[in-house]
C-alpha cells in the first residue's frame, strides 16, 4: 500500500513500497506537473517507474539535473538490433536528462537519455539504463493527457510508441 505524507502546501513524501525503496520526496506544481528529488543511491529509472505507478502517470515527459555516482549508458546498434552498455562509476554531473514515460504491457515505462560531465570537463552520454544511481537528482515530470503505449517493433528491434495517425 502506497502512502503520501503531507509536508506543506505542495510537498510530499511517497512511501510504502517495502524495504527495497526508501521515501521519495516530491512536490506537485499545478494539476499536471511534479518535481521529484532523488537521494544518494536511488536508481533513476526505477524511481521514475515507481513514481509513475504511484501517481498513475501513463503519459509524460521529464527533464532533470543533478549528479550520479554510477551511470549505465547504452548505445543501440541498428544493424545488430541490440544495445551495448558501459558502466561508469564516478561522480558525474547531469548536464541534461530528458525522456518520456509511457506504458508497455500496462506497466509504466520510463525512457531516458542523458548527457554527463566528468571531472576533467569531458562529456559522455547515451541511453540511461537501470542501475544508474543518484548522488542527488531533481526531475521535473510533466504529465500529458491520455496514454502513451509502446510495443516491440520487430523490424527495428526497439520498443516504439504506437501512434495512430500519419500526416
Foldseek 3Di string as FASTA:
>chain_A
DWDWDDDDPFWIWIDDPDDVDDIWIKGDDPDFKMKTKDAFFDWVFVVVQVVCVVVVFAKKKKKKWAWWQKWWFWDADQVVLDIDIDIDGHIKTWPMKIWMWHDEPRGIGTWIKTWIADPVRDIDIHTTDTPTTGNMMMMMIGGDPDHWYWDADVNRNDTDTDDDDDD
